[in-house]
Amino acid sequence: QVQLVESGGGLVQAGGSLRPSCAASGIIVVINAMAWYGQPPGKQRELVAAIASSGSTNYADSVKGRFTISRDNAKNTVYLQMNSLKPEDTAVYYCNGGSAFSGSYHPYDYWGQGTQVTVSS
């Protein structure tokens, strides 16, 4: 089994920072990449940032220069450093296990429960 648990969201003012984390447990050998997705209220879940086992990263255009995804393999944890937060970043953020190939992230059906990030004006 694979279990992903997010934490570290919260309520911040525009311009603030958060660093959600996602802890993975179980059998995850089929996963060679992880990602963060964001789902704003009333909208579809979309890829925010992804990191491959090599350390290569990709980001949605809307968060480039503001968000940084990282991994701590010893702790089986992925982080999302979120700086200069904007109200439009407000969403439930989910971590996902998947694979990365040729610059693209491919999600598997391994999701955390989500952590709420709310950014006020």
N, C-alpha and C. Protein backbone atom coordinates (compact mmCIF):
# COMPACT_ATOMS: atom_id res chain seq x y z
N GLN A 1 0.83 -1.18 0.00
CA GLN A 1 0.00 0.00 0.00
C GLN A 1 0.87 1.25 0.00
N VAL A 2 0.28 2.33 -0.45
CA VAL A 2 0.93 3.63 -0.44
C VAL A 2 0.03 4.59 0.31
N GLN A 3 0.62 5.34 1.20
CA GLN A 3 -0.12 6.35 1.93
C GLN A 3 0.65 7.66 1.90
N LEU A 4 -0.03 8.73 1.56
CA LEU A 4 0.55 10.06 1.52
C LEU A 4 -0.25 10.95 2.45
N VAL A 5 0.45 11.67 3.30
CA VAL A 5 -0.21 12.53 4.28
C VAL A 5 0.39 13.92 4.21
N GLU A 6 -0.43 14.90 3.85
CA GLU A 6 0.01 16.28 3.77
C GLU A 6 -0.22 16.99 5.09
N SER A 7 0.61 17.98 5.33
CA SER A 7 0.43 18.86 6.47
C SER A 7 1.14 20.17 6.18
N GLY A 8 0.87 21.18 6.98
CA GLY A 8 1.59 22.42 6.87
C GLY A 8 0.90 23.53 6.10
N GLY A 9 -0.33 23.30 5.69
CA GLY A 9 -1.09 24.39 5.10
C GLY A 9 -1.53 25.37 6.17
N GLY A 10 -2.32 26.34 5.77
CA GLY A 10 -2.79 27.31 6.73
C GLY A 10 -3.33 28.54 6.08
N LEU A 11 -3.56 29.54 6.90
CA LEU A 11 -4.09 30.83 6.46
C LEU A 11 -2.99 31.88 6.59
N VAL A 12 -2.69 32.55 5.49
CA VAL A 12 -1.66 33.58 5.49
C VAL A 12 -2.14 34.78 4.69
N GLN A 13 -1.50 35.90 4.95
CA GLN A 13 -1.77 37.11 4.19
C GLN A 13 -0.96 37.09 2.90
N ALA A 14 -1.46 37.78 1.89
CA ALA A 14 -0.74 37.88 0.63
C ALA A 14 0.69 38.34 0.89
N GLY A 15 1.63 37.69 0.21
CA GLY A 15 3.04 37.97 0.41
C GLY A 15 3.72 37.08 1.41
N GLY A 16 2.94 36.31 2.15
CA GLY A 16 3.49 35.42 3.14
C GLY A 16 3.98 34.12 2.55
N SER A 17 4.43 33.23 3.45
CA SER A 17 5.02 31.97 3.03
C SER A 17 4.45 30.81 3.83
N LEU A 18 4.44 29.65 3.21
CA LEU A 18 4.12 28.40 3.86
C LEU A 18 5.02 27.32 3.29
N ARG A 19 5.15 26.23 4.02
CA ARG A 19 5.94 25.11 3.54
C ARG A 19 5.24 23.81 3.87
N PRO A 20 4.21 23.47 3.10
CA PRO A 20 3.57 22.18 3.33
C PRO A 20 4.51 21.02 3.08
N SER A 21 4.25 19.93 3.75
CA SER A 21 5.03 18.72 3.55
C SER A 21 4.10 17.55 3.30
N CYS A 22 4.65 16.53 2.69
CA CYS A 22 3.91 15.32 2.38
C CYS A 22 4.78 14.14 2.75
N ALA A 23 4.32 13.36 3.70
CA ALA A 23 5.06 12.18 4.14
C ALA A 23 4.48 10.94 3.48
N ALA A 24 5.35 10.15 2.91
CA ALA A 24 4.94 8.93 2.22
C ALA A 24 5.32 7.70 3.04
N SER A 25 4.46 6.71 3.00
CA SER A 25 4.74 5.45 3.66
C SER A 25 4.18 4.31 2.83
N GLY A 26 4.63 3.12 3.13
CA GLY A 26 4.17 1.96 2.39
C GLY A 26 5.10 1.61 1.25
N ILE A 27 4.62 0.79 0.37
CA ILE A 27 5.39 0.33 -0.77
C ILE A 27 5.27 1.34 -1.90
N ILE A 28 6.35 2.06 -2.14
CA ILE A 28 6.33 3.12 -3.14
C ILE A 28 7.43 2.95 -4.17
N VAL A 29 7.91 1.73 -4.35
CA VAL A 29 9.01 1.50 -5.28
C VAL A 29 8.62 1.78 -6.71
N VAL A 30 7.33 1.75 -7.02
CA VAL A 30 6.90 2.03 -8.39
C VAL A 30 6.87 3.52 -8.68
N ILE A 31 7.02 4.33 -7.65
CA ILE A 31 6.97 5.78 -7.80
C ILE A 31 8.38 6.32 -7.95
N ASN A 32 8.65 7.02 -9.04
CA ASN A 32 9.96 7.63 -9.22
C ASN A 32 9.91 9.14 -9.23
N ALA A 33 8.74 9.70 -8.99
CA ALA A 33 8.59 11.14 -8.94
C ALA A 33 7.41 11.48 -8.05
N MET A 34 7.41 12.69 -7.55
CA MET A 34 6.29 13.15 -6.75
C MET A 34 5.93 14.56 -7.16
N ALA A 35 4.75 14.97 -6.79
CA ALA A 35 4.26 16.26 -7.23
C ALA A 35 3.29 16.83 -6.24
N TRP A 36 3.08 18.11 -6.36
CA TRP A 36 2.03 18.82 -5.66
C TRP A 36 1.02 19.30 -6.68
N TYR A 37 -0.23 19.07 -6.37
CA TYR A 37 -1.35 19.59 -7.15
C TYR A 37 -2.14 20.56 -6.29
N GLY A 38 -2.72 21.53 -6.95
CA GLY A 38 -3.60 22.46 -6.26
C GLY A 38 -4.98 22.43 -6.85
N GLN A 39 -5.97 22.49 -5.99
CA GLN A 39 -7.36 22.52 -6.43
C GLN A 39 -8.06 23.71 -5.78
N PRO A 40 -8.14 24.83 -6.51
CA PRO A 40 -8.87 25.98 -5.99
C PRO A 40 -10.35 25.66 -5.86
N PRO A 41 -11.06 26.40 -5.03
CA PRO A 41 -12.49 26.13 -4.87
C PRO A 41 -13.23 26.24 -6.19
N GLY A 42 -14.01 25.23 -6.51
CA GLY A 42 -14.81 25.22 -7.72
C GLY A 42 -14.04 24.93 -8.99
N LYS A 43 -12.77 24.60 -8.88
CA LYS A 43 -11.95 24.35 -10.06
C LYS A 43 -11.34 22.96 -10.03
N GLN A 44 -10.78 22.56 -11.16
CA GLN A 44 -10.16 21.25 -11.27
C GLN A 44 -8.79 21.24 -10.61
N ARG A 45 -8.38 20.05 -10.23
CA ARG A 45 -7.07 19.85 -9.66
C ARG A 45 -6.02 19.97 -10.76
N GLU A 46 -4.99 20.78 -10.52
CA GLU A 46 -3.97 21.02 -11.52
C GLU A 46 -2.58 20.86 -10.93
N LEU A 47 -1.66 20.45 -11.77
CA LEU A 47 -0.27 20.27 -11.34
C LEU A 47 0.35 21.61 -11.00
N VAL A 48 0.98 21.68 -9.85
CA VAL A 48 1.68 22.87 -9.40
C VAL A 48 3.19 22.71 -9.54
N ALA A 49 3.71 21.61 -9.05
CA ALA A 49 5.15 21.37 -9.08
C ALA A 49 5.40 19.88 -9.03
N ALA A 50 6.47 19.45 -9.68
CA ALA A 50 6.84 18.04 -9.69
C ALA A 50 8.34 17.91 -9.53
N ILE A 51 8.74 16.80 -8.93
CA ILE A 51 10.17 16.53 -8.76
C ILE A 51 10.43 15.07 -9.06
N ALA A 52 11.43 14.83 -9.90
CA ALA A 52 11.82 13.49 -10.27
C ALA A 52 12.86 12.96 -9.30
N SER A 53 13.13 11.67 -9.39
CA SER A 53 14.13 11.06 -8.52
C SER A 53 15.51 11.67 -8.73
N SER A 54 15.76 12.17 -9.92
CA SER A 54 17.03 12.82 -10.22
C SER A 54 17.17 14.18 -9.56
N GLY A 55 16.06 14.72 -9.07
CA GLY A 55 16.05 16.05 -8.52
C GLY A 55 15.55 17.10 -9.48
N SER A 56 15.35 16.74 -10.73
CA SER A 56 14.81 17.68 -11.70
C SER A 56 13.41 18.10 -11.30
N THR A 57 13.10 19.35 -11.54
CA THR A 57 11.82 19.91 -11.14
C THR A 57 11.13 20.62 -12.29
N ASN A 58 9.83 20.69 -12.20
CA ASN A 58 9.02 21.47 -13.12
C ASN A 58 7.93 22.17 -12.32
N TYR A 59 7.55 23.34 -12.80
CA TYR A 59 6.57 24.16 -12.10
C TYR A 59 5.55 24.71 -13.07
N ALA A 60 4.34 24.89 -12.56
CA ALA A 60 3.36 25.63 -13.32
C ALA A 60 3.84 27.06 -13.50
N ASP A 61 3.51 27.64 -14.64
CA ASP A 61 3.95 29.00 -14.92
C ASP A 61 3.54 29.98 -13.83
N SER A 62 2.40 29.75 -13.24
CA SER A 62 1.87 30.68 -12.26
C SER A 62 2.67 30.73 -10.97
N VAL A 63 3.49 29.71 -10.71
CA VAL A 63 4.24 29.66 -9.46
C VAL A 63 5.74 29.73 -9.64
N LYS A 64 6.21 29.78 -10.87
CA LYS A 64 7.64 29.85 -11.12
C LYS A 64 8.25 31.08 -10.44
N GLY A 65 9.36 30.85 -9.79
CA GLY A 65 10.02 31.91 -9.07
C GLY A 65 9.51 32.14 -7.68
N ARG A 66 8.40 31.50 -7.31
CA ARG A 66 7.82 31.67 -5.99
C ARG A 66 7.79 30.38 -5.18
N PHE A 67 7.55 29.27 -5.85
CA PHE A 67 7.45 27.98 -5.17
C PHE A 67 8.67 27.13 -5.47
N THR A 68 9.06 26.31 -4.51
CA THR A 68 10.16 25.38 -4.69
C THR A 68 9.77 24.03 -4.13
N ILE A 69 9.84 23.00 -4.94
CA ILE A 69 9.57 21.64 -4.49
C ILE A 69 10.89 20.96 -4.16
N SER A 70 10.90 20.18 -3.11
CA SER A 70 12.10 19.47 -2.71
C SER A 70 11.72 18.15 -2.06
N ARG A 71 12.71 17.26 -1.95
CA ARG A 71 12.49 15.95 -1.35
C ARG A 71 13.55 15.66 -0.31
N ASP A 72 13.14 14.95 0.72
CA ASP A 72 14.06 14.40 1.70
C ASP A 72 13.85 12.89 1.65
N ASN A 73 14.69 12.21 0.91
CA ASN A 73 14.50 10.78 0.71
C ASN A 73 14.62 9.98 2.01
N ALA A 74 15.47 10.44 2.91
CA ALA A 74 15.63 9.75 4.18
C ALA A 74 14.35 9.76 4.99
N LYS A 75 13.56 10.79 4.83
CA LYS A 75 12.30 10.91 5.55
C LYS A 75 11.08 10.57 4.69
N ASN A 76 11.34 10.19 3.44
CA ASN A 76 10.26 9.90 2.51
C ASN A 76 9.24 11.03 2.47
N THR A 77 9.75 12.22 2.35
CA THR A 77 8.92 13.41 2.45
C THR A 77 9.23 14.38 1.32
N VAL A 78 8.19 14.98 0.79
CA VAL A 78 8.32 16.02 -0.21
C VAL A 78 7.75 17.31 0.36
N TYR A 79 8.37 18.42 0.02
CA TYR A 79 8.00 19.72 0.54
C TYR A 79 7.64 20.65 -0.60
N LEU A 80 6.86 21.65 -0.27
CA LEU A 80 6.58 22.72 -1.21
C LEU A 80 6.77 24.05 -0.49
N GLN A 81 7.89 24.68 -0.74
CA GLN A 81 8.14 26.01 -0.19
C GLN A 81 7.37 27.02 -1.03
N MET A 82 6.44 27.69 -0.40
CA MET A 82 5.54 28.61 -1.09
C MET A 82 5.83 30.02 -0.57
N ASN A 83 6.44 30.83 -1.41
CA ASN A 83 6.77 32.20 -1.06
C ASN A 83 5.93 33.18 -1.88
N SER A 84 5.88 34.40 -1.40
CA SER A 84 5.16 35.47 -2.10
C SER A 84 3.76 35.02 -2.49
N LEU A 85 3.07 34.45 -1.53
CA LEU A 85 1.76 33.87 -1.82
C LEU A 85 0.76 34.94 -2.24
N LYS A 86 -0.08 34.54 -3.17
CA LYS A 86 -1.11 35.40 -3.72
C LYS A 86 -2.48 34.81 -3.41
N PRO A 87 -3.51 35.64 -3.36
CA PRO A 87 -4.86 35.09 -3.13
C PRO A 87 -5.23 34.00 -4.12
N GLU A 88 -4.79 34.11 -5.35
CA GLU A 88 -5.11 33.10 -6.35
C GLU A 88 -4.42 31.76 -6.09
N ASP A 89 -3.48 31.72 -5.14
CA ASP A 89 -2.88 30.45 -4.75
C ASP A 89 -3.78 29.66 -3.81
N THR A 90 -4.83 30.28 -3.32
CA THR A 90 -5.74 29.61 -2.40
C THR A 90 -6.28 28.33 -3.03
N ALA A 91 -6.09 27.23 -2.35
CA ALA A 91 -6.47 25.93 -2.88
C ALA A 91 -6.24 24.87 -1.83
N VAL A 92 -6.80 23.71 -2.08
CA VAL A 92 -6.39 22.52 -1.36
C VAL A 92 -5.23 21.92 -2.13
N TYR A 93 -4.13 21.71 -1.44
CA TYR A 93 -2.94 21.18 -2.07
C TYR A 93 -2.78 19.70 -1.72
N TYR A 94 -2.60 18.91 -2.76
CA TYR A 94 -2.47 17.46 -2.64
C TYR A 94 -1.11 17.02 -3.14
N CYS A 95 -0.52 16.08 -2.46
CA CYS A 95 0.67 15.47 -3.02
C CYS A 95 0.29 14.20 -3.76
N ASN A 96 1.13 13.85 -4.70
CA ASN A 96 0.86 12.72 -5.57
C ASN A 96 2.15 11.98 -5.87
N GLY A 97 2.04 10.67 -5.97
CA GLY A 97 3.15 9.86 -6.42
C GLY A 97 2.93 9.43 -7.85
N GLY A 98 3.97 9.50 -8.66
CA GLY A 98 3.83 9.15 -10.05
C GLY A 98 5.17 8.88 -10.68
N SER A 99 5.27 9.23 -11.94
CA SER A 99 6.50 9.04 -12.68
C SER A 99 6.78 10.25 -13.55
N ALA A 100 8.03 10.43 -13.88
CA ALA A 100 8.44 11.52 -14.75
C ALA A 100 9.22 10.95 -15.91
N PHE A 101 8.91 11.42 -17.10
CA PHE A 101 9.57 10.95 -18.30
C PHE A 101 9.52 12.04 -19.35
N SER A 102 10.67 12.32 -19.93
CA SER A 102 10.78 13.29 -21.02
C SER A 102 10.19 14.64 -20.65
N GLY A 103 10.42 15.04 -19.42
CA GLY A 103 10.00 16.36 -18.99
C GLY A 103 8.56 16.48 -18.57
N SER A 104 7.83 15.36 -18.56
CA SER A 104 6.43 15.38 -18.18
C SER A 104 6.20 14.55 -16.93
N TYR A 105 5.27 14.99 -16.11
CA TYR A 105 4.89 14.24 -14.93
C TYR A 105 3.62 13.47 -15.20
N HIS A 106 3.61 12.22 -14.78
CA HIS A 106 2.47 11.35 -15.00
C HIS A 106 1.98 10.83 -13.65
N PRO A 107 0.83 11.28 -13.19
CA PRO A 107 0.36 10.88 -11.87
C PRO A 107 -0.16 9.45 -11.84
N TYR A 108 0.15 8.78 -10.76
CA TYR A 108 -0.53 7.55 -10.42
C TYR A 108 -1.68 7.90 -9.49
N ASP A 109 -2.48 6.90 -9.18
CA ASP A 109 -3.62 7.14 -8.31
C ASP A 109 -3.21 6.99 -6.85
N TYR A 110 -2.20 7.74 -6.47
CA TYR A 110 -1.74 7.80 -5.09
C TYR A 110 -1.81 9.25 -4.65
N TRP A 111 -2.77 9.54 -3.81
CA TRP A 111 -3.03 10.91 -3.38
C TRP A 111 -3.07 11.02 -1.87
N GLY A 112 -2.62 12.16 -1.38
CA GLY A 112 -2.82 12.48 0.01
C GLY A 112 -4.22 13.03 0.23
N GLN A 113 -4.52 13.36 1.48
CA GLN A 113 -5.85 13.86 1.82
C GLN A 113 -6.00 15.35 1.52
N GLY A 114 -4.90 16.01 1.27
CA GLY A 114 -4.92 17.43 0.97
C GLY A 114 -4.71 18.29 2.20
N THR A 115 -4.12 19.45 1.98
CA THR A 115 -3.96 20.44 3.04
C THR A 115 -4.40 21.79 2.49
N GLN A 116 -5.19 22.50 3.26
CA GLN A 116 -5.77 23.75 2.81
C GLN A 116 -4.77 24.89 2.93
N VAL A 117 -4.62 25.63 1.85
CA VAL A 117 -3.84 26.87 1.86
C VAL A 117 -4.78 28.00 1.49
N THR A 118 -4.90 28.96 2.37
CA THR A 118 -5.77 30.11 2.14
C THR A 118 -4.94 31.38 2.25
N VAL A 119 -4.99 32.19 1.21
CA VAL A 119 -4.21 33.43 1.16
C VAL A 119 -5.19 34.59 1.10
N SER A 120 -5.14 35.46 2.07
CA SER A 120 -6.03 36.59 2.13
C SER A 120 -5.40 37.80 1.45
N SER A 121 -6.26 38.71 0.99
CA SER A 121 -5.80 39.92 0.30
C SER A 121 -5.19 40.90 1.28
